[in-house]
């Protein structure tokens, strides 16, 4: 094999290595206060085709103690939904807990015809949508059947599962809606309603399980 062929092979190998390293996302769970991720029990699970299931917090479920903040469980949370968009974050205090947001849609907000009629984007931990002429669904249904959710991985396995999630896939997310409280007084609280808007309307989910459907 001549020198030119060897150089071509080396170049191709380098390009392939760059491609896979750059395009395979890698996420890590936020460090636990004790050095070991706290137990993350699964809540009651939603039935297929139903809207997100929110359930009561068991009396014996303790807060989730992380280095960056303590997570106070507000409600169990389980949903099956289509990924309308995803956005990764690496900077800002929130990113230390939640490195990825998923914009999710369920029920009729999973339909191709509906999604194709909407321009969906994410930025600054928000989810935005617009349409050209008429909305494909009543606006209150769009609002109540989709949401931007801040994902806090419960462990490194969950973190990698979240890293692998792609737009337009269907996923099941099981975990807990939480309020993050830091020692210096900083707080970040999840919404517990699907129909609210504006500041504080996103769900903050401590994710115990991710299943690609």
N, C-alpha and C. Protein backbone atom coordinates (compact mmCIF):
# COMPACT_ATOMS: atom_id res chain seq x y z
N UNK A 1 0.86 -1.19 0.00
CA UNK A 1 0.00 0.00 0.00
C UNK A 1 0.90 1.24 0.00
N UNK A 2 0.63 2.17 -0.96
CA UNK A 2 1.50 3.34 -1.06
C UNK A 2 1.13 4.41 -0.04
N UNK A 3 2.00 5.42 0.06
CA UNK A 3 1.82 6.48 1.06
C UNK A 3 0.52 7.24 0.84
N UNK A 4 0.16 7.48 -0.41
CA UNK A 4 -1.07 8.22 -0.69
C UNK A 4 -2.29 7.48 -0.16
N UNK A 5 -2.34 6.17 -0.38
CA UNK A 5 -3.47 5.38 0.11
C UNK A 5 -3.54 5.40 1.63
N UNK A 6 -2.38 5.32 2.28
CA UNK A 6 -2.36 5.38 3.74
C UNK A 6 -2.88 6.71 4.26
N UNK A 7 -2.50 7.80 3.57
CA UNK A 7 -2.97 9.12 3.99
C UNK A 7 -4.48 9.26 3.82
N UNK A 8 -5.02 8.71 2.74
CA UNK A 8 -6.47 8.75 2.51
C UNK A 8 -7.20 7.97 3.59
N UNK A 9 -6.69 6.79 3.93
CA UNK A 9 -7.32 5.98 4.98
C UNK A 9 -7.28 6.71 6.31
N UNK A 10 -6.14 7.31 6.63
CA UNK A 10 -6.02 8.05 7.90
C UNK A 10 -6.98 9.22 7.94
N UNK A 11 -7.13 9.92 6.80
CA UNK A 11 -8.05 11.05 6.74
C UNK A 11 -9.49 10.59 6.95
N UNK A 12 -9.87 9.51 6.28
CA UNK A 12 -11.23 8.99 6.43
C UNK A 12 -11.49 8.54 7.86
N UNK A 13 -10.51 7.91 8.48
CA UNK A 13 -10.67 7.47 9.87
C UNK A 13 -10.84 8.67 10.78
N UNK A 14 -10.07 9.74 10.52
CA UNK A 14 -10.20 10.94 11.34
C UNK A 14 -11.56 11.59 11.19
N UNK A 15 -12.07 11.65 9.95
CA UNK A 15 -13.40 12.23 9.72
C UNK A 15 -14.46 11.40 10.41
N UNK A 16 -14.35 10.07 10.30
CA UNK A 16 -15.33 9.20 10.96
C UNK A 16 -15.29 9.38 12.47
N UNK A 17 -14.09 9.48 13.03
CA UNK A 17 -13.98 9.69 14.47
C UNK A 17 -14.59 11.00 14.90
N UNK A 18 -14.35 12.06 14.12
CA UNK A 18 -14.96 13.36 14.44
C UNK A 18 -16.47 13.27 14.38
N UNK A 19 -16.99 12.61 13.35
CA UNK A 19 -18.44 12.52 13.17
C UNK A 19 -19.10 11.85 14.36
N UNK A 20 -18.58 10.70 14.74
CA UNK A 20 -19.22 9.96 15.82
C UNK A 20 -19.03 10.64 17.17
N UNK A 21 -17.87 11.24 17.40
CA UNK A 21 -17.66 11.93 18.68
C UNK A 21 -18.51 13.18 18.76
N UNK A 22 -18.73 13.86 17.65
CA UNK A 22 -19.48 15.12 17.67
C UNK A 22 -20.98 14.88 17.67
N UNK A 23 -21.42 13.78 17.05
CA UNK A 23 -22.85 13.57 16.87
C UNK A 23 -23.45 12.59 17.86
N UNK A 24 -22.65 11.89 18.62
CA UNK A 24 -23.17 11.07 19.71
C UNK A 24 -23.14 11.92 20.97
N UNK A 25 -24.30 12.37 21.37
CA UNK A 25 -24.37 13.22 22.55
C UNK A 25 -23.97 12.44 23.79
N UNK A 26 -23.44 13.15 24.75
CA UNK A 26 -23.11 12.54 26.03
C UNK A 26 -23.59 13.44 27.14
N UNK A 27 -24.42 12.92 28.02
CA UNK A 27 -24.92 13.65 29.17
C UNK A 27 -24.54 12.90 30.43
N UNK A 28 -24.43 13.62 31.52
CA UNK A 28 -24.17 13.01 32.82
C UNK A 28 -25.24 13.47 33.80
N UNK A 29 -25.55 12.59 34.74
CA UNK A 29 -26.47 12.98 35.81
C UNK A 29 -25.78 13.97 36.73
N UNK A 30 -26.51 14.92 37.31
CA UNK A 30 -25.89 15.85 38.26
C UNK A 30 -25.38 15.10 39.48
N UNK A 31 -24.21 15.46 40.00
CA UNK A 31 -23.63 14.73 41.14
C UNK A 31 -24.55 14.76 42.36
N UNK A 32 -24.60 13.62 43.03
CA UNK A 32 -25.39 13.53 44.26
C UNK A 32 -24.61 14.11 45.42
N UNK A 33 -25.33 14.56 46.43
CA UNK A 33 -24.68 15.14 47.61
C UNK A 33 -23.79 14.12 48.31
N UNK A 34 -24.18 12.84 48.27
CA UNK A 34 -23.44 11.79 48.97
C UNK A 34 -22.44 11.09 48.08
N UNK A 35 -22.37 11.47 46.80
CA UNK A 35 -21.49 10.79 45.87
C UNK A 35 -22.14 9.65 45.14
N UNK A 36 -23.30 9.20 45.57
CA UNK A 36 -24.04 8.12 44.93
C UNK A 36 -25.44 8.62 44.61
N UNK A 37 -25.89 8.40 43.37
CA UNK A 37 -27.20 8.90 42.96
C UNK A 37 -28.28 8.39 43.90
N UNK A 38 -29.18 9.28 44.36
CA UNK A 38 -30.25 8.83 45.25
C UNK A 38 -31.21 7.90 44.52
N UNK A 39 -31.86 7.03 45.29
CA UNK A 39 -32.84 6.13 44.69
C UNK A 39 -33.91 6.93 43.98
N UNK A 40 -34.32 6.43 42.82
CA UNK A 40 -35.30 7.15 41.99
C UNK A 40 -36.43 6.18 41.65
N UNK A 41 -37.37 5.96 42.57
CA UNK A 41 -38.44 4.99 42.33
C UNK A 41 -39.40 5.47 41.25
N UNK A 42 -39.92 4.53 40.50
CA UNK A 42 -40.87 4.88 39.44
C UNK A 42 -42.23 5.19 40.03
N UNK A 43 -42.91 6.22 39.51
CA UNK A 43 -44.27 6.53 39.95
C UNK A 43 -45.27 5.64 39.22
N UNK A 44 -46.56 5.73 39.54
CA UNK A 44 -47.57 5.03 38.73
C UNK A 44 -47.44 5.44 37.26
N UNK A 45 -47.63 4.47 36.37
CA UNK A 45 -47.38 4.72 34.95
C UNK A 45 -48.67 5.02 34.20
N UNK A 46 -48.54 5.91 33.24
CA UNK A 46 -49.67 6.31 32.41
C UNK A 46 -50.03 5.18 31.45
N UNK A 47 -51.31 5.07 31.10
CA UNK A 47 -51.76 4.11 30.10
C UNK A 47 -51.52 4.69 28.71
N UNK A 48 -51.19 3.83 27.75
CA UNK A 48 -50.94 4.26 26.38
C UNK A 48 -52.14 5.01 25.83
N UNK A 49 -51.87 6.15 25.20
CA UNK A 49 -52.92 6.96 24.59
C UNK A 49 -53.55 7.98 25.52
N UNK A 50 -53.20 7.92 26.79
CA UNK A 50 -53.78 8.85 27.76
C UNK A 50 -52.86 10.08 27.93
N UNK A 51 -53.42 11.19 28.42
CA UNK A 51 -52.58 12.36 28.71
C UNK A 51 -51.65 12.06 29.87
N UNK A 52 -50.67 12.91 30.14
CA UNK A 52 -49.73 12.67 31.24
C UNK A 52 -50.45 12.40 32.56
N UNK A 53 -49.91 11.44 33.29
CA UNK A 53 -50.48 11.05 34.59
C UNK A 53 -49.67 11.70 35.70
N UNK A 54 -50.35 12.45 36.54
CA UNK A 54 -49.74 13.08 37.70
C UNK A 54 -50.31 12.43 38.95
N UNK A 55 -49.45 12.00 39.85
CA UNK A 55 -49.90 11.23 41.01
C UNK A 55 -49.33 11.83 42.30
N UNK A 56 -49.93 11.44 43.41
CA UNK A 56 -49.51 11.95 44.71
C UNK A 56 -48.12 11.41 45.09
N UNK A 57 -47.43 12.18 45.89
CA UNK A 57 -46.12 11.77 46.39
C UNK A 57 -46.31 10.89 47.63
N UNK A 58 -45.73 9.69 47.66
CA UNK A 58 -45.84 8.85 48.86
C UNK A 58 -45.25 9.55 50.08
N UNK A 59 -45.83 9.30 51.23
CA UNK A 59 -45.36 9.93 52.46
C UNK A 59 -43.91 9.57 52.79
N UNK A 60 -43.48 8.38 52.35
CA UNK A 60 -42.13 7.93 52.71
C UNK A 60 -41.08 8.23 51.65
N UNK A 61 -41.43 9.02 50.62
CA UNK A 61 -40.44 9.37 49.60
C UNK A 61 -39.63 10.58 50.06
N UNK A 62 -38.32 10.42 50.28
CA UNK A 62 -37.51 11.56 50.76
C UNK A 62 -37.14 12.48 49.60
N UNK A 63 -36.67 13.68 49.91
CA UNK A 63 -36.13 14.56 48.87
C UNK A 63 -34.92 13.90 48.21
N UNK A 64 -34.63 14.33 46.99
CA UNK A 64 -33.47 13.84 46.25
C UNK A 64 -32.32 14.83 46.48
N UNK A 65 -31.30 14.39 47.20
CA UNK A 65 -30.21 15.28 47.61
C UNK A 65 -29.09 15.27 46.57
N UNK A 66 -28.91 16.38 45.87
CA UNK A 66 -27.84 16.54 44.89
C UNK A 66 -26.88 17.63 45.35
N UNK A 67 -25.70 17.67 44.75
CA UNK A 67 -24.73 18.70 45.13
C UNK A 67 -25.26 20.10 44.84
N UNK A 68 -25.87 20.28 43.68
CA UNK A 68 -26.29 21.62 43.26
C UNK A 68 -27.53 22.10 43.99
N UNK A 69 -28.38 21.17 44.40
CA UNK A 69 -29.64 21.54 45.05
C UNK A 69 -30.31 20.29 45.59
N UNK A 70 -31.23 20.48 46.49
CA UNK A 70 -32.10 19.40 46.94
C UNK A 70 -33.41 19.47 46.17
N UNK A 71 -33.84 18.33 45.65
CA UNK A 71 -35.06 18.27 44.86
C UNK A 71 -36.21 17.79 45.73
N UNK A 72 -37.20 18.65 45.90
CA UNK A 72 -38.38 18.30 46.68
C UNK A 72 -39.45 17.76 45.74
N UNK A 73 -39.87 16.51 45.88
CA UNK A 73 -40.88 15.97 44.98
C UNK A 73 -42.24 16.63 45.19
N UNK A 74 -42.85 17.04 44.10
CA UNK A 74 -44.17 17.67 44.12
C UNK A 74 -45.27 16.72 43.67
N UNK A 75 -44.94 15.82 42.73
CA UNK A 75 -45.92 14.89 42.19
C UNK A 75 -45.21 13.83 41.38
N UNK A 76 -45.78 12.62 41.34
CA UNK A 76 -45.32 11.63 40.40
C UNK A 76 -45.74 12.05 39.00
N UNK A 77 -44.95 11.64 37.98
CA UNK A 77 -45.23 12.11 36.63
C UNK A 77 -44.85 11.03 35.63
N UNK A 78 -45.79 10.72 34.74
CA UNK A 78 -45.56 9.70 33.72
C UNK A 78 -46.27 10.12 32.45
N UNK A 79 -45.56 10.04 31.32
CA UNK A 79 -46.22 10.38 30.06
C UNK A 79 -45.60 9.60 28.92
N UNK A 80 -46.43 9.38 27.88
CA UNK A 80 -45.96 8.89 26.60
C UNK A 80 -46.23 10.01 25.60
N UNK A 81 -45.21 10.36 24.81
CA UNK A 81 -45.34 11.54 23.96
C UNK A 81 -44.37 11.46 22.79
N UNK A 82 -44.63 12.31 21.83
CA UNK A 82 -43.73 12.48 20.69
C UNK A 82 -42.78 13.64 20.98
N UNK A 83 -41.53 13.46 20.59
CA UNK A 83 -40.54 14.52 20.78
C UNK A 83 -40.69 15.52 19.64
N UNK A 84 -41.20 16.70 19.96
CA UNK A 84 -41.39 17.75 18.97
C UNK A 84 -40.08 18.49 18.69
N UNK A 85 -39.23 18.57 19.68
CA UNK A 85 -37.94 19.24 19.56
C UNK A 85 -37.12 18.92 20.80
N UNK A 86 -35.80 19.09 20.70
CA UNK A 86 -34.94 18.95 21.87
C UNK A 86 -33.88 20.05 21.83
N UNK A 87 -33.44 20.45 23.00
CA UNK A 87 -32.42 21.49 23.09
C UNK A 87 -31.51 21.17 24.27
N UNK A 88 -30.21 21.07 24.00
CA UNK A 88 -29.23 20.82 25.05
C UNK A 88 -28.67 22.15 25.57
N UNK A 89 -28.35 22.16 26.86
CA UNK A 89 -27.81 23.36 27.49
C UNK A 89 -26.54 22.99 28.27
N UNK A 90 -25.52 23.84 28.14
CA UNK A 90 -24.25 23.59 28.84
C UNK A 90 -23.87 24.71 29.79
N UNK A 91 -24.53 25.84 29.70
CA UNK A 91 -24.17 26.97 30.55
C UNK A 91 -25.39 27.45 31.33
N UNK A 92 -25.12 28.12 32.44
CA UNK A 92 -26.19 28.60 33.29
C UNK A 92 -26.39 27.67 34.47
N UNK A 93 -26.92 28.21 35.53
CA UNK A 93 -27.10 27.42 36.75
C UNK A 93 -28.06 26.26 36.54
N UNK A 94 -29.08 26.49 35.74
CA UNK A 94 -30.05 25.43 35.49
C UNK A 94 -29.43 24.23 34.80
N UNK A 95 -28.44 24.48 33.92
CA UNK A 95 -27.82 23.39 33.17
C UNK A 95 -27.06 22.42 34.06
N UNK A 96 -26.63 22.87 35.24
CA UNK A 96 -25.95 21.97 36.17
C UNK A 96 -26.89 20.88 36.66
N UNK A 97 -28.18 21.15 36.65
CA UNK A 97 -29.18 20.16 37.02
C UNK A 97 -29.81 19.52 35.80
N UNK A 98 -30.23 20.35 34.86
CA UNK A 98 -30.99 19.89 33.70
C UNK A 98 -30.25 20.25 32.42
N UNK A 99 -29.52 19.29 31.83
CA UNK A 99 -28.74 19.59 30.63
C UNK A 99 -29.53 19.53 29.33
N UNK A 100 -30.81 19.15 29.40
CA UNK A 100 -31.60 19.02 28.17
C UNK A 100 -33.06 19.34 28.44
N UNK A 101 -33.67 20.03 27.49
CA UNK A 101 -35.12 20.25 27.47
C UNK A 101 -35.71 19.43 26.33
N UNK A 102 -36.83 18.80 26.58
CA UNK A 102 -37.60 18.14 25.53
C UNK A 102 -38.94 18.85 25.39
N UNK A 103 -39.27 19.27 24.17
CA UNK A 103 -40.62 19.73 23.87
C UNK A 103 -41.41 18.50 23.44
N UNK A 104 -42.47 18.20 24.16
CA UNK A 104 -43.20 16.95 23.99
C UNK A 104 -44.66 17.22 23.65
N UNK A 105 -45.22 16.37 22.79
CA UNK A 105 -46.63 16.46 22.44
C UNK A 105 -47.31 15.12 22.60
N UNK A 106 -48.55 15.12 23.03
CA UNK A 106 -49.28 13.87 23.24
C UNK A 106 -50.67 13.97 22.63
N UNK A 107 -51.29 12.80 22.47
CA UNK A 107 -52.60 12.69 21.84
C UNK A 107 -52.54 13.34 20.45
N UNK A 108 -53.43 14.26 20.09
CA UNK A 108 -53.43 14.76 18.72
C UNK A 108 -52.18 15.59 18.38
N UNK A 109 -51.46 16.02 19.39
CA UNK A 109 -50.20 16.72 19.12
C UNK A 109 -49.07 15.78 18.73
N UNK A 110 -49.38 14.50 18.56
CA UNK A 110 -48.42 13.54 18.02
C UNK A 110 -48.62 13.32 16.52
N UNK A 111 -49.72 13.81 15.96
CA UNK A 111 -50.08 13.48 14.58
C UNK A 111 -49.19 14.24 13.58
N UNK A 112 -48.80 13.53 12.51
CA UNK A 112 -47.92 14.13 11.50
C UNK A 112 -48.52 15.40 10.91
N UNK A 113 -49.80 15.36 10.55
CA UNK A 113 -50.43 16.52 9.90
C UNK A 113 -50.40 17.74 10.81
N UNK A 114 -50.55 17.52 12.10
CA UNK A 114 -50.52 18.63 13.05
C UNK A 114 -49.10 19.19 13.16
N UNK A 115 -48.14 18.31 13.31
CA UNK A 115 -46.75 18.74 13.48
C UNK A 115 -46.24 19.46 12.23
N UNK A 116 -46.63 18.96 11.06
CA UNK A 116 -46.17 19.57 9.81
C UNK A 116 -46.72 20.98 9.62
N UNK A 117 -47.83 21.30 10.27
CA UNK A 117 -48.43 22.63 10.13
C UNK A 117 -47.86 23.64 11.12
N UNK A 118 -46.97 23.18 12.00
CA UNK A 118 -46.42 24.06 13.03
C UNK A 118 -44.92 24.25 12.84
N UNK A 119 -44.45 25.44 13.10
CA UNK A 119 -43.02 25.72 13.19
C UNK A 119 -42.66 25.69 14.67
N UNK A 120 -41.89 24.70 15.08
CA UNK A 120 -41.60 24.47 16.50
C UNK A 120 -40.12 24.72 16.77
N UNK A 121 -39.84 25.54 17.79
CA UNK A 121 -38.46 25.86 18.14
C UNK A 121 -38.31 25.95 19.65
N UNK A 122 -37.07 25.84 20.10
CA UNK A 122 -36.74 26.01 21.52
C UNK A 122 -35.59 26.99 21.67
N UNK A 123 -35.65 27.79 22.72
CA UNK A 123 -34.54 28.68 23.05
C UNK A 123 -34.73 29.20 24.46
N UNK A 124 -33.63 29.45 25.14
CA UNK A 124 -33.66 30.07 26.48
C UNK A 124 -34.60 29.35 27.44
N UNK A 125 -34.64 28.01 27.33
CA UNK A 125 -35.45 27.13 28.19
C UNK A 125 -36.94 27.32 27.96
N UNK A 126 -37.30 27.80 26.76
CA UNK A 126 -38.69 27.94 26.36
C UNK A 126 -38.95 27.12 25.10
N UNK A 127 -40.22 26.86 24.85
CA UNK A 127 -40.70 26.17 23.65
C UNK A 127 -41.66 27.12 22.93
N UNK A 128 -41.42 27.30 21.62
CA UNK A 128 -42.23 28.24 20.84
C UNK A 128 -42.83 27.51 19.65
N UNK A 129 -44.03 27.88 19.27
CA UNK A 129 -44.63 27.33 18.06
C UNK A 129 -45.43 28.43 17.36
N UNK A 130 -45.56 28.27 16.04
CA UNK A 130 -46.38 29.19 15.26
C UNK A 130 -46.89 28.46 14.03
N UNK A 131 -47.89 29.05 13.39
CA UNK A 131 -48.47 28.46 12.20
C UNK A 131 -48.60 29.53 11.13
N UNK A 132 -48.79 29.10 9.90
CA UNK A 132 -48.80 30.05 8.79
C UNK A 132 -50.15 30.74 8.64
N UNK A 133 -51.23 30.00 8.50
CA UNK A 133 -52.55 30.58 8.26
C UNK A 133 -53.48 30.34 9.44
N UNK A 134 -53.90 29.09 9.59
CA UNK A 134 -54.79 28.72 10.68
C UNK A 134 -54.11 27.65 11.54
N UNK A 135 -54.35 27.66 12.84
CA UNK A 135 -53.76 26.60 13.68
C UNK A 135 -54.35 25.25 13.32
N UNK A 136 -53.55 24.19 13.34
CA UNK A 136 -54.05 22.86 12.97
C UNK A 136 -54.98 22.26 14.02
N UNK A 137 -54.96 22.80 15.23
CA UNK A 137 -55.84 22.38 16.32
C UNK A 137 -56.28 23.64 17.04
N UNK A 138 -57.38 23.57 17.81
CA UNK A 138 -57.71 24.70 18.67
C UNK A 138 -56.51 25.07 19.54
N UNK A 139 -56.28 26.34 19.72
CA UNK A 139 -55.07 26.77 20.44
C UNK A 139 -55.03 26.25 21.87
N UNK A 140 -56.20 26.12 22.52
CA UNK A 140 -56.18 25.59 23.89
C UNK A 140 -55.81 24.12 23.90
N UNK A 141 -56.09 23.39 22.81
CA UNK A 141 -55.68 21.99 22.73
C UNK A 141 -54.17 21.88 22.50
N UNK A 142 -53.62 22.75 21.65
CA UNK A 142 -52.17 22.77 21.47
C UNK A 142 -51.49 23.04 22.81
N UNK A 143 -52.00 24.02 23.53
CA UNK A 143 -51.43 24.38 24.82
C UNK A 143 -51.52 23.23 25.82
N UNK A 144 -52.68 22.57 25.86
CA UNK A 144 -52.89 21.52 26.85
C UNK A 144 -52.35 20.17 26.47
N UNK A 145 -51.85 20.03 25.23
CA UNK A 145 -51.35 18.73 24.76
C UNK A 145 -49.88 18.77 24.38
N UNK A 146 -49.18 19.78 24.84
CA UNK A 146 -47.75 19.87 24.58
C UNK A 146 -47.11 20.73 25.66
N UNK A 147 -45.82 20.54 25.84
CA UNK A 147 -45.11 21.31 26.87
C UNK A 147 -43.61 21.20 26.66
N UNK A 148 -42.90 22.21 27.13
CA UNK A 148 -41.44 22.14 27.23
C UNK A 148 -41.09 21.64 28.63
N UNK A 149 -40.27 20.61 28.69
CA UNK A 149 -39.96 20.00 29.99
C UNK A 149 -38.45 19.96 30.21
N UNK A 150 -38.04 20.43 31.38
CA UNK A 150 -36.63 20.41 31.77
C UNK A 150 -36.33 19.06 32.41
N UNK A 151 -35.39 18.32 31.83
CA UNK A 151 -35.10 16.96 32.28
C UNK A 151 -33.87 16.93 33.18
N UNK A 152 -34.04 16.39 34.39
CA UNK A 152 -32.94 16.16 35.32
C UNK A 152 -32.68 14.66 35.36
N UNK A 153 -31.58 14.16 34.82
CA UNK A 153 -31.34 12.71 34.81
C UNK A 153 -31.16 12.16 36.23
N UNK A 154 -31.85 11.06 36.53
CA UNK A 154 -31.75 10.46 37.85
C UNK A 154 -30.48 9.67 38.07
N UNK A 155 -29.83 9.24 36.99
CA UNK A 155 -28.54 8.54 37.07
C UNK A 155 -27.91 8.59 35.68
N UNK A 156 -26.69 8.07 35.57
CA UNK A 156 -25.99 8.18 34.29
C UNK A 156 -26.65 7.35 33.19
N UNK A 157 -27.29 6.24 33.55
CA UNK A 157 -28.01 5.45 32.56
C UNK A 157 -29.17 6.23 31.96
N UNK A 158 -29.92 6.91 32.82
CA UNK A 158 -31.01 7.77 32.35
C UNK A 158 -30.45 8.92 31.52
N UNK A 159 -29.32 9.47 31.96
CA UNK A 159 -28.70 10.58 31.22
C UNK A 159 -28.36 10.16 29.80
N UNK A 160 -27.78 8.97 29.63
CA UNK A 160 -27.43 8.54 28.29
C UNK A 160 -28.66 8.22 27.47
N UNK A 161 -29.71 7.67 28.11
CA UNK A 161 -30.96 7.43 27.40
C UNK A 161 -31.55 8.74 26.90
N UNK A 162 -31.49 9.79 27.71
CA UNK A 162 -31.96 11.11 27.28
C UNK A 162 -31.08 11.65 26.15
N UNK A 163 -29.78 11.40 26.23
CA UNK A 163 -28.87 11.87 25.18
C UNK A 163 -29.20 11.24 23.84
N UNK A 164 -29.70 10.03 23.86
CA UNK A 164 -29.98 9.30 22.62
C UNK A 164 -31.34 9.64 22.02
N UNK A 165 -32.20 10.33 22.76
CA UNK A 165 -33.54 10.65 22.26
C UNK A 165 -33.43 11.64 21.10
N UNK A 166 -34.20 11.39 20.05
CA UNK A 166 -34.17 12.24 18.86
C UNK A 166 -35.56 12.82 18.58
N UNK A 167 -35.55 13.93 17.86
CA UNK A 167 -36.79 14.55 17.41
C UNK A 167 -37.63 13.55 16.63
N UNK A 168 -38.94 13.60 16.85
CA UNK A 168 -39.97 12.78 16.19
C UNK A 168 -40.07 11.37 16.76
N UNK A 169 -39.20 10.97 17.67
CA UNK A 169 -39.37 9.68 18.34
C UNK A 169 -40.50 9.77 19.36
N UNK A 170 -41.07 8.62 19.68
CA UNK A 170 -42.02 8.52 20.78
C UNK A 170 -41.28 7.95 21.98
N UNK A 171 -41.54 8.54 23.14
CA UNK A 171 -40.85 8.13 24.35
C UNK A 171 -41.83 8.04 25.52
N UNK A 172 -41.44 7.25 26.49
CA UNK A 172 -42.11 7.26 27.79
C UNK A 172 -41.13 7.84 28.79
N UNK A 173 -41.60 8.81 29.56
CA UNK A 173 -40.80 9.44 30.61
C UNK A 173 -41.51 9.18 31.94
N UNK A 174 -40.78 8.63 32.90
CA UNK A 174 -41.33 8.38 34.23
C UNK A 174 -40.42 9.02 35.27
N UNK A 175 -41.01 9.77 36.18
CA UNK A 175 -40.20 10.42 37.21
C UNK A 175 -41.06 11.26 38.14
N UNK A 176 -40.49 12.37 38.58
CA UNK A 176 -41.13 13.20 39.60
C UNK A 176 -41.00 14.68 39.25
N UNK A 177 -42.11 15.39 39.32
CA UNK A 177 -42.05 16.84 39.24
C UNK A 177 -41.46 17.35 40.55
N UNK A 178 -40.52 18.28 40.45
CA UNK A 178 -39.76 18.66 41.64
C UNK A 178 -39.61 20.18 41.74
N UNK A 179 -39.26 20.61 42.94
CA UNK A 179 -38.77 21.96 43.17
C UNK A 179 -37.34 21.84 43.66
N UNK A 180 -36.42 22.52 42.96
CA UNK A 180 -35.01 22.52 43.34
C UNK A 180 -34.76 23.67 44.31
N UNK A 181 -34.11 23.35 45.44
CA UNK A 181 -33.78 24.35 46.45
C UNK A 181 -32.30 24.25 46.78
N UNK A 182 -31.58 25.36 46.57
CA UNK A 182 -30.15 25.41 46.89
C UNK A 182 -29.93 26.10 48.22
N UNK A 183 -28.75 25.88 48.80
CA UNK A 183 -28.46 26.43 50.13
C UNK A 183 -28.41 27.95 50.14
N UNK A 184 -28.11 28.57 49.00
CA UNK A 184 -28.03 30.03 48.96
C UNK A 184 -29.38 30.69 48.68
N UNK A 185 -30.45 29.89 48.67
CA UNK A 185 -31.79 30.43 48.47
C UNK A 185 -32.32 30.33 47.06
N UNK A 186 -31.48 29.94 46.10
CA UNK A 186 -31.93 29.78 44.71
C UNK A 186 -32.96 28.66 44.63
N UNK A 187 -34.01 28.89 43.82
CA UNK A 187 -35.06 27.89 43.66
C UNK A 187 -35.47 27.79 42.19
N UNK A 188 -35.93 26.61 41.84
CA UNK A 188 -36.45 26.36 40.49
C UNK A 188 -37.59 25.36 40.66
N UNK A 189 -38.81 25.80 40.38
CA UNK A 189 -39.98 24.99 40.69
C UNK A 189 -40.71 24.56 39.42
N UNK A 190 -41.12 23.31 39.41
CA UNK A 190 -41.90 22.77 38.30
C UNK A 190 -43.33 23.28 38.31
N UNK A 191 -43.88 23.41 37.13
CA UNK A 191 -45.33 23.55 37.01
C UNK A 191 -45.97 22.21 37.36
N UNK A 192 -47.18 22.26 37.87
CA UNK A 192 -47.94 21.03 38.12
C UNK A 192 -49.26 21.06 37.36
N UNK A 193 -49.34 21.92 36.34
CA UNK A 193 -50.52 21.99 35.49
C UNK A 193 -50.08 21.95 34.03
N UNK A 194 -50.90 21.39 33.15
CA UNK A 194 -50.56 21.33 31.74
C UNK A 194 -51.11 22.50 30.96
N UNK A 195 -51.88 23.37 31.56
CA UNK A 195 -52.56 24.43 30.82
C UNK A 195 -52.06 25.82 31.16
N UNK A 196 -51.01 25.93 31.97
CA UNK A 196 -50.52 27.26 32.32
C UNK A 196 -49.55 27.77 31.25
N UNK A 197 -49.31 29.08 31.26
CA UNK A 197 -48.42 29.71 30.30
C UNK A 197 -47.52 30.69 31.03
N UNK A 198 -46.48 31.15 30.33
CA UNK A 198 -45.62 32.17 30.89
C UNK A 198 -44.57 31.60 31.83
N UNK A 199 -43.98 32.48 32.63
CA UNK A 199 -42.91 32.09 33.54
C UNK A 199 -43.39 31.01 34.51
N UNK A 200 -42.60 29.95 34.66
CA UNK A 200 -42.95 28.87 35.57
C UNK A 200 -43.88 27.83 35.00
N UNK A 201 -44.18 27.92 33.69
CA UNK A 201 -45.15 26.99 33.10
C UNK A 201 -44.53 25.66 32.67
N UNK A 202 -43.21 25.57 32.65
CA UNK A 202 -42.56 24.33 32.21
C UNK A 202 -42.47 23.32 33.36
N UNK A 203 -42.45 22.06 32.99
CA UNK A 203 -42.27 21.00 33.98
C UNK A 203 -40.77 20.78 34.23
N UNK A 204 -40.43 20.61 35.48
CA UNK A 204 -39.07 20.26 35.90
C UNK A 204 -39.14 18.82 36.41
N UNK A 205 -38.57 17.89 35.63
CA UNK A 205 -38.78 16.46 35.87
C UNK A 205 -37.49 15.79 36.30
N UNK A 206 -37.51 15.18 37.48
CA UNK A 206 -36.43 14.30 37.90
C UNK A 206 -36.73 12.94 37.30
N UNK A 207 -35.96 12.55 36.30
CA UNK A 207 -36.31 11.41 35.44
C UNK A 207 -35.71 10.13 35.99
N UNK A 208 -36.59 9.16 36.27
CA UNK A 208 -36.16 7.85 36.77
C UNK A 208 -36.10 6.81 35.66
N UNK A 209 -36.85 7.02 34.59
CA UNK A 209 -36.88 6.04 33.51
C UNK A 209 -37.21 6.68 32.18
N UNK A 210 -36.53 6.23 31.12
CA UNK A 210 -36.78 6.68 29.75
C UNK A 210 -36.91 5.45 28.87
N UNK A 211 -37.99 5.36 28.11
CA UNK A 211 -38.18 4.26 27.19
C UNK A 211 -38.51 4.82 25.82
N UNK A 212 -37.75 4.42 24.81
CA UNK A 212 -38.07 4.82 23.43
C UNK A 212 -39.07 3.82 22.88
N UNK A 213 -40.20 4.33 22.42
CA UNK A 213 -41.33 3.48 22.02
C UNK A 213 -41.33 3.20 20.52
